[in-house]
Amino acid sequence: MRNRFLNMWALLLIGLGSMISLGCGDEEIVEVTVDLPPLPTPTYTEGHLTQAQRGIALDSDDLAVVNSMAGGTGISGPEISEHFGLLVLNRPYVDWRITRCPGQNEAGATKPLPKTESLLMEFAGRDVTSDRIAINVDLLTPGRRALLYVCFESGAPVGRFDVPEHRAAVIDAFVDLASLPNLAYITVGMEMNRYYHLLDEEGRTLYDDYSNYITLYRDVYDAIKEVNPEIKVGPGISWAVFRNQTMPQVAEELGKGEAATTEILDTFVGANGHEVAFRAYERTVKPLIVSGRGDARRITADYIGVTMQPFHREPPFNGTPAPEDTTEFNKILDYYRWLSILTIEATEEHPIPYVFPQVDWPERAAGSKKDGFLQTLKYAVSGLDVEWMAWRRFSDLPTTPIDASKCKQYTGASDPALSYSQDYCTGGLLDANGVRRSVFDTFVAN
């Protein structure tokens, strides 16, 4: 009971914006909003993206299909430039394929900048270049169970955002990255609202360390701007986590239903869902967007990076991304409806557009479901200010030979925290042979 009471106080502090970074920095207070914002009234079009809005997420494993190949498969460098206006790189804070926790002496080579520079040289060798680059830096392990961190020789036995050595190392990594030419966007952490819902090894919530992440994010934002104020910086969150975990938790606390039940998820419409979404936003997102109060109030995000990979077996999808039944389809539109709350702090002087840095229907061998999912998503967000969108992978990872395939390298780690889920291997716009899926055509449609 005592732990429950303390946890609720931590929730309250975060919800009110009083970000106490335990053991790290001074107390910061974010302005409390009492009244609900206007109820969103979405508008819809086909939602086709311009070339400038389309990002292509490439890594070294995609080079096998970056070519003019016989039979019309693969893709050439000029074709990439024709279809995509932004080169997107998904980089971990430290290279997870080496270890979750590299030693202090080897950490430099595992951080984002050296690998990014190497990748850009590889891409240039295939005529893939861009004067607009976005880098999504992941602070969580691929299994979404813990933080990536450097193992220091002393003083930092575990990765937490209130550990001074960890904070300093993360900031230094972003400062180094900010020196990269043509870098236009940096997403600081991917799906970081997952961290809010994780438990430590002793089963305790990490609410307090999520507040430490918030203050670290602000420090990283300022540090990047000191190096290059033209780089746009934003936090990364998961809409599936916000919608299917944070909102039900808040609903339960507000007495609006039991958390994580189909009934409460289906009733997040109208005024009821409006209040729940806004309180969830105040708790986990707003402190990343704005800090301070009164004359000290400032916006600390140039965009909000929202990963779109739904919990596809849960409501409202229930395994179907684009249902023909009108009632079920409208439930999916309602799932996206509260996205507009995430940018209510935007002003004319400081707009906060949406970035969708990783999009996918995360089901293994989903086939045409990916296409239906993307069509529905484009329609659902067509009334929002979308700066850019990128599919999670450009091409599939080969699954043969079974014990030594590229897919196995990502999904077969002995530490579950370091393993991707199997659907990562089949998440491409192209298959492993370079054949374009229908979702590719939907993504590049004008």
Protein backbone atom coordinates (compact mmCIF):
# COMPACT_ATOMS: atom_id res chain seq x y z
CA MET A 1 0.00 0.00 0.00
CA ARG A 2 2.84 2.38 0.86
CA ASN A 3 4.47 1.80 -2.55
CA ARG A 4 1.12 2.33 -4.26
CA PHE A 5 0.74 5.64 -2.39
CA LEU A 6 4.26 6.79 -3.35
CA ASN A 7 3.71 5.81 -6.96
CA MET A 8 0.51 7.81 -7.12
CA TRP A 9 2.41 10.84 -5.83
CA ALA A 10 4.99 10.35 -8.57
CA LEU A 11 2.17 10.19 -11.10
CA LEU A 12 0.64 13.35 -9.73
CA LEU A 13 3.93 15.24 -9.87
CA ILE A 14 4.48 14.25 -13.49
CA GLY A 15 0.88 15.04 -14.40
CA LEU A 16 1.15 18.49 -12.86
CA GLY A 17 4.46 19.10 -14.55
CA SER A 18 6.51 19.30 -11.37
CA MET A 19 9.47 17.38 -12.72
CA ILE A 20 11.62 16.47 -9.74
CA SER A 21 14.76 14.84 -11.11
CA LEU A 22 15.73 12.67 -8.18
CA GLY A 23 19.41 13.14 -7.51
CA CYS A 24 19.90 15.21 -10.63
CA GLY A 25 19.19 18.92 -10.91
CA ASP A 26 16.74 21.42 -9.55
CA GLU A 27 12.99 21.13 -9.44
CA GLU A 28 11.25 22.39 -12.56
CA ILE A 29 7.59 23.24 -12.79
CA VAL A 30 5.54 23.18 -15.96
CA GLU A 31 2.42 25.29 -16.19
CA VAL A 32 -0.72 23.45 -15.11
CA THR A 33 -3.62 23.56 -17.56
CA VAL A 34 -7.00 23.34 -15.85
CA ASP A 35 -9.47 23.66 -18.72
CA LEU A 36 -9.70 21.07 -21.46
CA PRO A 37 -8.74 22.21 -24.96
CA PRO A 38 -11.44 22.29 -27.65
CA LEU A 39 -12.79 18.92 -28.69
CA PRO A 40 -10.95 17.79 -31.85
CA THR A 41 -12.98 17.86 -35.06
CA PRO A 42 -10.90 15.93 -37.60
CA THR A 43 -11.03 16.54 -41.33
CA TYR A 44 -10.03 13.91 -43.87
CA THR A 45 -8.58 13.61 -47.37
CA GLU A 46 -6.70 10.80 -49.11
CA GLY A 47 -3.63 11.98 -47.25
CA HIS A 48 -1.04 11.41 -49.97
CA LEU A 49 2.42 12.61 -49.01
CA THR A 50 4.66 14.85 -51.07
CA GLN A 51 8.17 13.74 -51.96
CA ALA A 52 9.50 16.08 -49.24
CA GLN A 53 7.26 14.38 -46.65
CA ARG A 54 8.40 10.86 -47.51
CA GLY A 55 11.41 9.50 -45.64
CA ILE A 56 13.32 6.36 -46.58
CA ALA A 57 14.77 4.43 -43.64
CA LEU A 58 17.95 2.73 -44.81
CA ASP A 59 20.62 0.65 -43.13
CA SER A 60 23.49 -1.49 -44.42
CA ASP A 61 21.19 -4.51 -44.74
CA ASP A 62 19.17 -2.67 -47.40
CA LEU A 63 22.12 -2.28 -49.75
CA ALA A 64 21.40 -5.70 -51.26
CA VAL A 65 18.29 -4.22 -52.93
CA VAL A 66 19.69 -0.76 -53.73
CA ASN A 67 20.61 -1.43 -57.34
CA SER A 68 19.14 -1.55 -60.80
CA MET A 69 18.50 -5.27 -60.77
CA ALA A 70 17.31 -7.55 -63.53
CA GLY A 71 13.60 -8.22 -63.71
CA GLY A 72 12.55 -4.86 -62.33
CA THR A 73 13.43 -5.70 -58.74
CA GLY A 74 15.38 -3.52 -56.35
CA ILE A 75 15.69 0.23 -56.56
CA SER A 76 18.36 2.59 -57.84
CA GLY A 77 19.83 5.66 -56.17
CA PRO A 78 18.11 8.05 -58.62
CA GLU A 79 14.77 6.31 -58.01
CA ILE A 80 15.21 6.79 -54.27
CA SER A 81 15.80 10.50 -54.81
CA GLU A 82 12.72 10.66 -57.04
CA HIS A 83 10.40 9.12 -54.46
CA PHE A 84 11.91 10.19 -51.12
CA GLY A 85 12.98 13.64 -49.95
CA LEU A 86 14.52 12.59 -46.64
CA LEU A 87 17.11 9.97 -45.71
CA VAL A 88 16.25 8.42 -42.33
CA LEU A 89 18.66 6.45 -40.17
CA ASN A 90 17.52 4.50 -37.11
CA ARG A 91 20.47 4.31 -34.74
CA PRO A 92 20.74 2.94 -31.19
CA TYR A 93 22.48 5.02 -28.54
CA VAL A 94 25.00 2.16 -28.32
CA ASP A 95 25.21 -0.69 -30.81
CA TRP A 96 23.01 -3.40 -29.34
CA ARG A 97 24.54 -6.14 -31.51
CA ILE A 98 27.80 -5.78 -29.58
CA THR A 99 26.31 -5.59 -26.09
CA ARG A 100 23.67 -3.71 -24.22
CA CYS A 101 26.43 -2.27 -22.09
CA PRO A 102 29.79 -1.69 -23.86
CA GLY A 103 32.78 -0.86 -21.71
CA GLN A 104 33.82 2.73 -21.26
CA ASN A 105 36.89 2.34 -23.50
CA GLU A 106 34.97 0.84 -26.44
CA ALA A 107 31.85 3.00 -26.15
CA GLY A 108 32.98 5.64 -28.62
CA ALA A 109 32.87 3.31 -31.61
CA THR A 110 29.39 2.02 -30.72
CA LYS A 111 27.66 5.40 -30.50
CA PRO A 112 25.54 6.97 -33.27
CA LEU A 113 28.00 9.30 -35.04
CA PRO A 114 30.77 6.86 -36.14
CA LYS A 115 28.30 4.30 -37.52
CA THR A 116 26.25 7.02 -39.21
CA GLU A 117 29.30 8.40 -40.99
CA SER A 118 30.21 4.89 -42.14
CA LEU A 119 26.69 4.24 -43.41
CA LEU A 120 26.58 7.49 -45.37
CA MET A 121 29.80 6.53 -47.13
CA GLU A 122 28.31 3.13 -48.02
CA PHE A 123 25.14 4.76 -49.34
CA ALA A 124 27.12 7.25 -51.44
CA GLY A 125 28.83 4.30 -53.10
CA ARG A 126 25.36 3.27 -54.35
CA ASP A 127 24.45 6.80 -55.51
CA VAL A 128 22.22 7.32 -52.47
CA THR A 129 22.76 10.82 -51.11
CA SER A 130 20.55 13.43 -49.49
CA ASP A 131 20.85 17.01 -48.33
CA ARG A 132 18.19 16.27 -45.68
CA ILE A 133 18.98 13.62 -43.08
CA ALA A 134 16.95 12.52 -40.07
CA ILE A 135 18.35 10.34 -37.30
CA ASN A 136 16.14 8.54 -34.79
CA VAL A 137 18.28 7.69 -31.77
CA ASP A 138 16.91 4.81 -29.70
CA LEU A 139 17.61 4.87 -25.97
CA LEU A 140 15.77 1.60 -25.28
CA THR A 141 16.86 -1.95 -26.05
CA PRO A 142 15.23 -3.60 -29.09
CA GLY A 143 13.15 -5.78 -26.78
CA ARG A 144 11.82 -2.59 -25.16
CA ARG A 145 12.69 -3.89 -21.69
CA ALA A 146 15.52 -1.63 -20.50
CA LEU A 147 17.83 1.26 -21.32
CA LEU A 148 20.90 1.08 -23.50
CA TYR A 149 23.88 2.38 -21.57
CA VAL A 150 27.66 2.39 -21.27
CA CYS A 151 29.28 0.35 -18.50
CA PHE A 152 31.52 2.75 -16.63
CA GLU A 153 34.44 1.47 -14.59
CA SER A 154 33.04 3.03 -11.44
CA GLY A 155 30.11 5.11 -10.24
CA ALA A 156 27.44 3.90 -12.66
CA PRO A 157 26.41 0.29 -11.93
CA VAL A 158 23.10 0.52 -13.80
CA GLY A 159 21.58 2.66 -16.52
CA ARG A 160 19.20 5.23 -15.12
CA PHE A 161 18.57 8.79 -16.20
CA ASP A 162 19.54 10.14 -12.77
CA VAL A 163 23.02 8.55 -12.96
CA PRO A 164 25.37 11.49 -13.69
CA GLU A 165 27.75 9.42 -15.84
CA HIS A 166 24.90 8.09 -17.97
CA ARG A 167 23.36 11.53 -18.43
CA ALA A 168 26.67 13.07 -19.41
CA ALA A 169 27.47 10.26 -21.86
CA VAL A 170 24.06 10.53 -23.55
CA ILE A 171 24.37 14.30 -23.92
CA ASP A 172 27.89 13.96 -25.35
CA ALA A 173 26.66 11.44 -27.92
CA PHE A 174 24.00 13.86 -29.16
CA VAL A 175 26.43 16.77 -29.19
CA ASP A 176 28.78 14.74 -31.41
CA LEU A 177 25.91 13.75 -33.68
CA ALA A 178 24.81 17.37 -34.11
CA SER A 179 28.04 18.11 -36.01
CA LEU A 180 27.00 15.84 -38.92
CA PRO A 181 26.55 17.76 -42.22
CA ASN A 182 23.04 17.93 -43.72
CA LEU A 183 21.44 16.74 -40.48
CA ALA A 184 17.95 18.21 -40.34
CA TYR A 185 16.18 16.17 -37.60
CA ILE A 186 17.14 14.32 -34.43
CA THR A 187 14.56 12.28 -32.53
CA VAL A 188 15.70 11.88 -28.92
CA GLY A 189 14.59 8.41 -27.90
CA MET A 190 12.05 6.20 -29.63
CA GLU A 191 8.78 5.18 -27.97
CA MET A 192 10.03 6.60 -24.69
CA ASN A 193 6.59 6.59 -23.12
CA ARG A 194 7.07 2.80 -22.96
CA TYR A 195 9.67 3.50 -20.29
CA TYR A 196 6.99 5.15 -18.18
CA HIS A 197 5.16 1.81 -17.97
CA LEU A 198 8.17 -0.46 -17.39
CA LEU A 199 9.15 -2.04 -14.08
CA ASP A 200 12.65 -2.41 -12.70
CA GLU A 201 14.17 -5.77 -11.76
CA GLU A 202 12.48 -5.62 -8.37
CA GLY A 203 9.06 -4.96 -9.84
CA ARG A 204 8.94 -1.26 -9.02
CA THR A 205 7.58 1.33 -11.41
CA LEU A 206 9.96 3.70 -13.20
CA TYR A 207 7.78 6.79 -12.92
CA ASP A 208 10.55 8.67 -11.12
CA ASP A 209 13.14 7.86 -13.78
CA TYR A 210 10.74 8.86 -16.54
CA SER A 211 10.75 12.30 -14.97
CA ASN A 212 14.55 12.15 -15.11
CA TYR A 213 14.33 11.32 -18.81
CA ILE A 214 12.22 14.43 -19.29
CA THR A 215 14.87 16.68 -17.77
CA LEU A 216 17.58 14.86 -19.75
CA TYR A 217 15.59 15.40 -22.95
CA ARG A 218 15.51 19.14 -22.24
CA ASP A 219 19.27 19.15 -21.64
CA VAL A 220 19.84 17.29 -24.92
CA TYR A 221 17.56 19.72 -26.76
CA ASP A 222 19.58 22.68 -25.51
CA ALA A 223 22.92 20.98 -26.17
CA ILE A 224 22.03 20.21 -29.81
CA LYS A 225 20.83 23.77 -30.37
CA GLU A 226 24.14 25.12 -29.10
CA VAL A 227 25.97 23.11 -31.78
CA ASN A 228 23.51 23.74 -34.61
CA PRO A 229 20.32 25.72 -33.95
CA GLU A 230 18.97 24.77 -37.39
CA ILE A 231 18.56 21.11 -36.46
CA LYS A 232 14.99 20.28 -35.51
CA VAL A 233 14.77 18.23 -32.31
CA GLY A 234 11.83 16.28 -30.93
CA PRO A 235 10.95 13.49 -28.48
CA GLY A 236 9.84 10.07 -29.67
CA ILE A 237 6.72 8.39 -28.28
CA SER A 238 4.55 5.42 -29.22
CA TRP A 239 0.92 6.11 -30.08
CA ALA A 240 0.01 2.49 -29.30
CA VAL A 241 1.41 2.86 -25.78
CA PHE A 242 -0.32 6.21 -25.28
CA ARG A 243 -3.63 4.92 -26.57
CA ASN A 244 -3.69 1.37 -25.18
CA GLN A 245 -1.74 1.74 -21.95
CA THR A 246 -1.55 5.33 -20.70
CA MET A 247 -5.13 6.30 -21.51
CA PRO A 248 -6.67 3.21 -19.85
CA GLN A 249 -4.52 3.79 -16.77
CA VAL A 250 -5.65 7.39 -16.53
CA ALA A 251 -9.26 6.36 -17.17
CA GLU A 252 -9.14 3.97 -14.24
CA GLU A 253 -7.75 6.67 -11.97
CA LEU A 254 -10.47 9.09 -13.09
CA GLY A 255 -13.13 6.48 -12.37
CA LYS A 256 -14.09 6.13 -16.02
CA GLY A 257 -13.62 2.38 -16.30
CA GLU A 258 -11.29 -0.49 -15.59
CA ALA A 259 -7.92 -0.20 -17.30
CA ALA A 260 -7.07 -2.14 -20.45
CA THR A 261 -10.54 -3.56 -21.05
CA THR A 262 -12.21 -3.63 -24.45
CA GLU A 263 -15.12 -1.64 -23.05
CA ILE A 264 -13.07 1.32 -21.87
CA LEU A 265 -10.98 1.37 -25.06
CA ASP A 266 -14.15 1.44 -27.12
CA THR A 267 -15.59 4.32 -25.08
CA PHE A 268 -12.70 6.73 -25.67
CA VAL A 269 -14.92 8.86 -27.87
CA GLY A 270 -16.55 12.24 -27.38
CA ALA A 271 -16.09 14.13 -24.12
CA ASN A 272 -15.11 11.04 -22.15
CA GLY A 273 -12.14 10.21 -24.34
CA HIS A 274 -11.29 13.90 -24.58
CA GLU A 275 -10.59 14.26 -20.88
CA VAL A 276 -8.75 10.95 -20.64
CA ALA A 277 -6.51 11.76 -23.62
CA PHE A 278 -5.72 15.21 -22.33
CA ARG A 279 -4.81 14.00 -18.83
CA ALA A 280 -2.62 11.28 -20.36
CA TYR A 281 -0.95 13.95 -22.49
CA GLU A 282 -0.34 16.17 -19.47
CA ARG A 283 1.28 13.29 -17.64
CA THR A 284 3.65 11.80 -20.22
CA VAL A 285 4.01 14.15 -23.21
CA LYS A 286 3.44 17.78 -22.27
CA PRO A 287 6.54 18.00 -20.00
CA LEU A 288 8.61 17.09 -23.06
CA ILE A 289 7.00 19.81 -25.16
CA VAL A 290 6.97 22.75 -22.77
CA SER A 291 8.80 23.68 -19.57
CA GLY A 292 8.67 26.54 -17.09
CA ARG A 293 5.81 28.88 -16.32
CA GLY A 294 5.03 32.54 -16.79
CA ASP A 295 7.86 34.48 -18.40
CA ALA A 296 10.11 31.42 -18.08
CA ARG A 297 7.79 29.23 -20.13
CA ARG A 298 9.36 27.86 -23.33
CA ILE A 299 8.70 25.21 -25.94
CA THR A 300 11.33 22.46 -26.04
CA ALA A 301 10.31 20.51 -29.14
CA ASP A 302 10.40 21.35 -32.84
CA TYR A 303 8.18 18.37 -33.62
CA ILE A 304 6.62 15.38 -31.91
CA GLY A 305 7.89 12.02 -33.17
CA VAL A 306 5.05 9.48 -33.00
CA THR A 307 5.79 5.85 -33.83
CA MET A 308 2.82 4.15 -35.49
CA GLN A 309 3.03 0.43 -34.82
CA PRO A 310 -0.29 -0.57 -33.26
CA PHE A 311 -0.92 -3.39 -30.86
CA HIS A 312 -2.63 -5.04 -33.79
CA ARG A 313 -4.42 -7.80 -31.87
CA GLU A 314 -6.02 -5.35 -29.43
CA PRO A 315 -9.00 -3.01 -29.92
CA PRO A 316 -9.87 -1.24 -32.07
CA PHE A 317 -7.94 -3.23 -34.73
CA ASN A 318 -8.46 -6.79 -33.51
CA GLY A 319 -6.20 -8.02 -36.30
CA THR A 320 -7.87 -5.96 -39.05
CA PRO A 321 -6.29 -2.60 -40.03
CA ALA A 322 -8.95 -1.50 -42.54
CA PRO A 323 -12.33 -3.09 -41.75
CA GLU A 324 -15.11 -2.78 -44.31
CA ASP A 325 -17.76 -2.42 -41.60
CA THR A 326 -18.39 1.31 -41.11
CA THR A 327 -18.79 1.07 -37.34
CA GLU A 328 -15.51 -0.78 -36.93
CA PHE A 329 -13.72 1.58 -39.32
CA ASN A 330 -14.95 4.60 -37.34
CA LYS A 331 -13.55 3.04 -34.18
CA ILE A 332 -10.14 3.06 -35.84
CA LEU A 333 -10.56 6.70 -36.80
CA ASP A 334 -11.42 7.42 -33.16
CA TYR A 335 -8.20 5.63 -32.17
CA TYR A 336 -6.29 8.34 -34.04
CA ARG A 337 -8.60 11.21 -33.16
CA TRP A 338 -6.74 12.32 -30.06
CA LEU A 339 -3.44 12.82 -31.90
CA SER A 340 -4.33 16.50 -32.23
CA ILE A 341 -3.92 16.92 -28.46
CA LEU A 342 -0.18 16.29 -28.73
CA THR A 343 0.48 19.64 -30.42
CA ILE A 344 -1.84 22.00 -28.57
CA GLU A 345 1.16 23.94 -27.24
CA ALA A 346 2.13 24.99 -30.77
CA THR A 347 2.16 28.69 -31.56
CA GLU A 348 2.55 30.70 -34.74
CA GLU A 349 6.10 31.53 -33.67
CA HIS A 350 6.90 27.93 -32.71
CA PRO A 351 4.86 25.37 -34.64
CA ILE A 352 5.02 21.72 -33.58
CA PRO A 353 4.35 19.47 -36.57
CA TYR A 354 3.97 15.71 -36.51
CA VAL A 355 6.70 13.31 -37.54
CA PHE A 356 5.96 9.60 -37.90
CA PRO A 357 9.53 8.23 -37.71
CA GLN A 358 8.61 4.54 -37.78
CA VAL A 359 5.40 3.18 -39.31
CA ASP A 360 4.46 -0.48 -39.74
CA TRP A 361 1.70 -3.01 -39.20
CA PRO A 362 3.85 -5.23 -36.93
CA GLU A 363 2.48 -8.63 -37.86
CA ARG A 364 4.69 -11.34 -39.30
CA ALA A 365 3.71 -12.28 -42.87
CA ALA A 366 0.98 -9.60 -42.79
CA GLY A 367 0.89 -9.30 -46.58
CA SER A 368 -1.77 -6.89 -47.80
CA LYS A 369 -2.62 -5.84 -44.25
CA LYS A 370 0.33 -3.43 -44.32
CA ASP A 371 -1.17 -1.71 -47.35
CA GLY A 372 -4.59 -1.40 -45.72
CA PHE A 373 -3.03 -0.11 -42.53
CA LEU A 374 -1.07 2.60 -44.36
CA GLN A 375 -4.07 3.68 -46.42
CA THR A 376 -6.13 4.08 -43.26
CA LEU A 377 -3.33 5.86 -41.41
CA LYS A 378 -2.77 8.37 -44.22
CA TYR A 379 -6.49 9.10 -44.27
CA ALA A 380 -6.70 9.41 -40.48
CA VAL A 381 -3.80 11.91 -40.18
CA SER A 382 -4.55 13.84 -43.37
CA GLY A 383 -5.89 16.82 -41.42
CA LEU A 384 -2.74 17.15 -39.28
CA ASP A 385 0.44 19.09 -39.96
CA VAL A 386 2.66 16.16 -40.99
CA GLU A 387 6.29 17.12 -41.60
CA TRP A 388 7.42 13.64 -42.67
CA MET A 389 6.75 9.93 -42.37
CA ALA A 390 9.02 6.89 -42.74
CA TRP A 391 8.24 3.18 -42.95
CA ARG A 392 10.03 1.08 -40.33
CA ARG A 393 12.24 -0.88 -42.76
CA PHE A 394 12.94 -0.40 -46.44
CA SER A 395 13.50 -4.10 -47.18
CA ASP A 396 12.96 -7.43 -45.46
CA LEU A 397 15.81 -9.27 -43.80
CA PRO A 398 16.70 -12.65 -45.33
CA THR A 399 15.52 -15.57 -43.19
CA THR A 400 17.84 -18.22 -44.68
CA PRO A 401 19.98 -20.01 -43.79
CA ILE A 402 17.86 -20.39 -40.67
CA ASP A 403 20.66 -20.47 -38.09
CA ALA A 404 22.85 -17.79 -39.69
CA SER A 405 20.50 -15.43 -41.48
CA LYS A 406 20.34 -11.65 -41.26
CA CYS A 407 17.00 -12.06 -39.52
CA LYS A 408 18.58 -14.31 -36.91
CA GLN A 409 21.20 -11.66 -36.16
CA TYR A 410 18.41 -9.31 -35.06
CA THR A 411 16.04 -11.76 -33.39
CA GLY A 412 18.31 -14.43 -31.92
CA ALA A 413 20.14 -12.64 -29.12
CA SER A 414 20.57 -14.70 -25.95
CA ASP A 415 19.46 -11.66 -23.93
CA PRO A 416 15.74 -11.10 -24.67
CA ALA A 417 16.22 -7.37 -24.13
CA LEU A 418 18.50 -7.30 -27.18
CA SER A 419 16.21 -9.22 -29.55
CA TYR A 420 13.83 -7.70 -32.04
CA SER A 421 10.47 -9.38 -32.53
CA GLN A 422 10.13 -11.64 -35.56
CA ASP A 423 7.92 -9.15 -37.40
CA TYR A 424 10.93 -6.84 -37.74
CA CYS A 425 12.36 -9.17 -40.39
CA THR A 426 9.28 -8.87 -42.63
CA GLY A 427 8.59 -5.18 -42.12
CA GLY A 428 9.94 -3.90 -45.45
CA LEU A 429 8.41 -1.92 -48.28
CA LEU A 430 10.36 -4.39 -50.44
CA ASP A 431 10.88 -8.07 -49.78
CA ALA A 432 14.37 -9.51 -49.29
CA ASN A 433 14.71 -10.06 -53.06
CA GLY A 434 13.93 -6.44 -53.87
CA VAL A 435 10.35 -7.02 -55.06
CA ARG A 436 8.15 -4.04 -54.22
CA ARG A 437 5.07 -4.69 -52.13
CA SER A 438 1.77 -2.91 -52.70
CA VAL A 439 2.47 -0.88 -49.55
CA PHE A 440 5.42 0.70 -51.40
CA ASP A 441 3.05 2.02 -54.08
CA THR A 442 0.67 3.31 -51.42
CA PHE A 443 3.49 5.08 -49.61
CA VAL A 444 4.83 6.89 -52.70
CA ALA A 445 1.42 7.67 -54.24
CA ASN A 446 1.08 11.35 -55.15
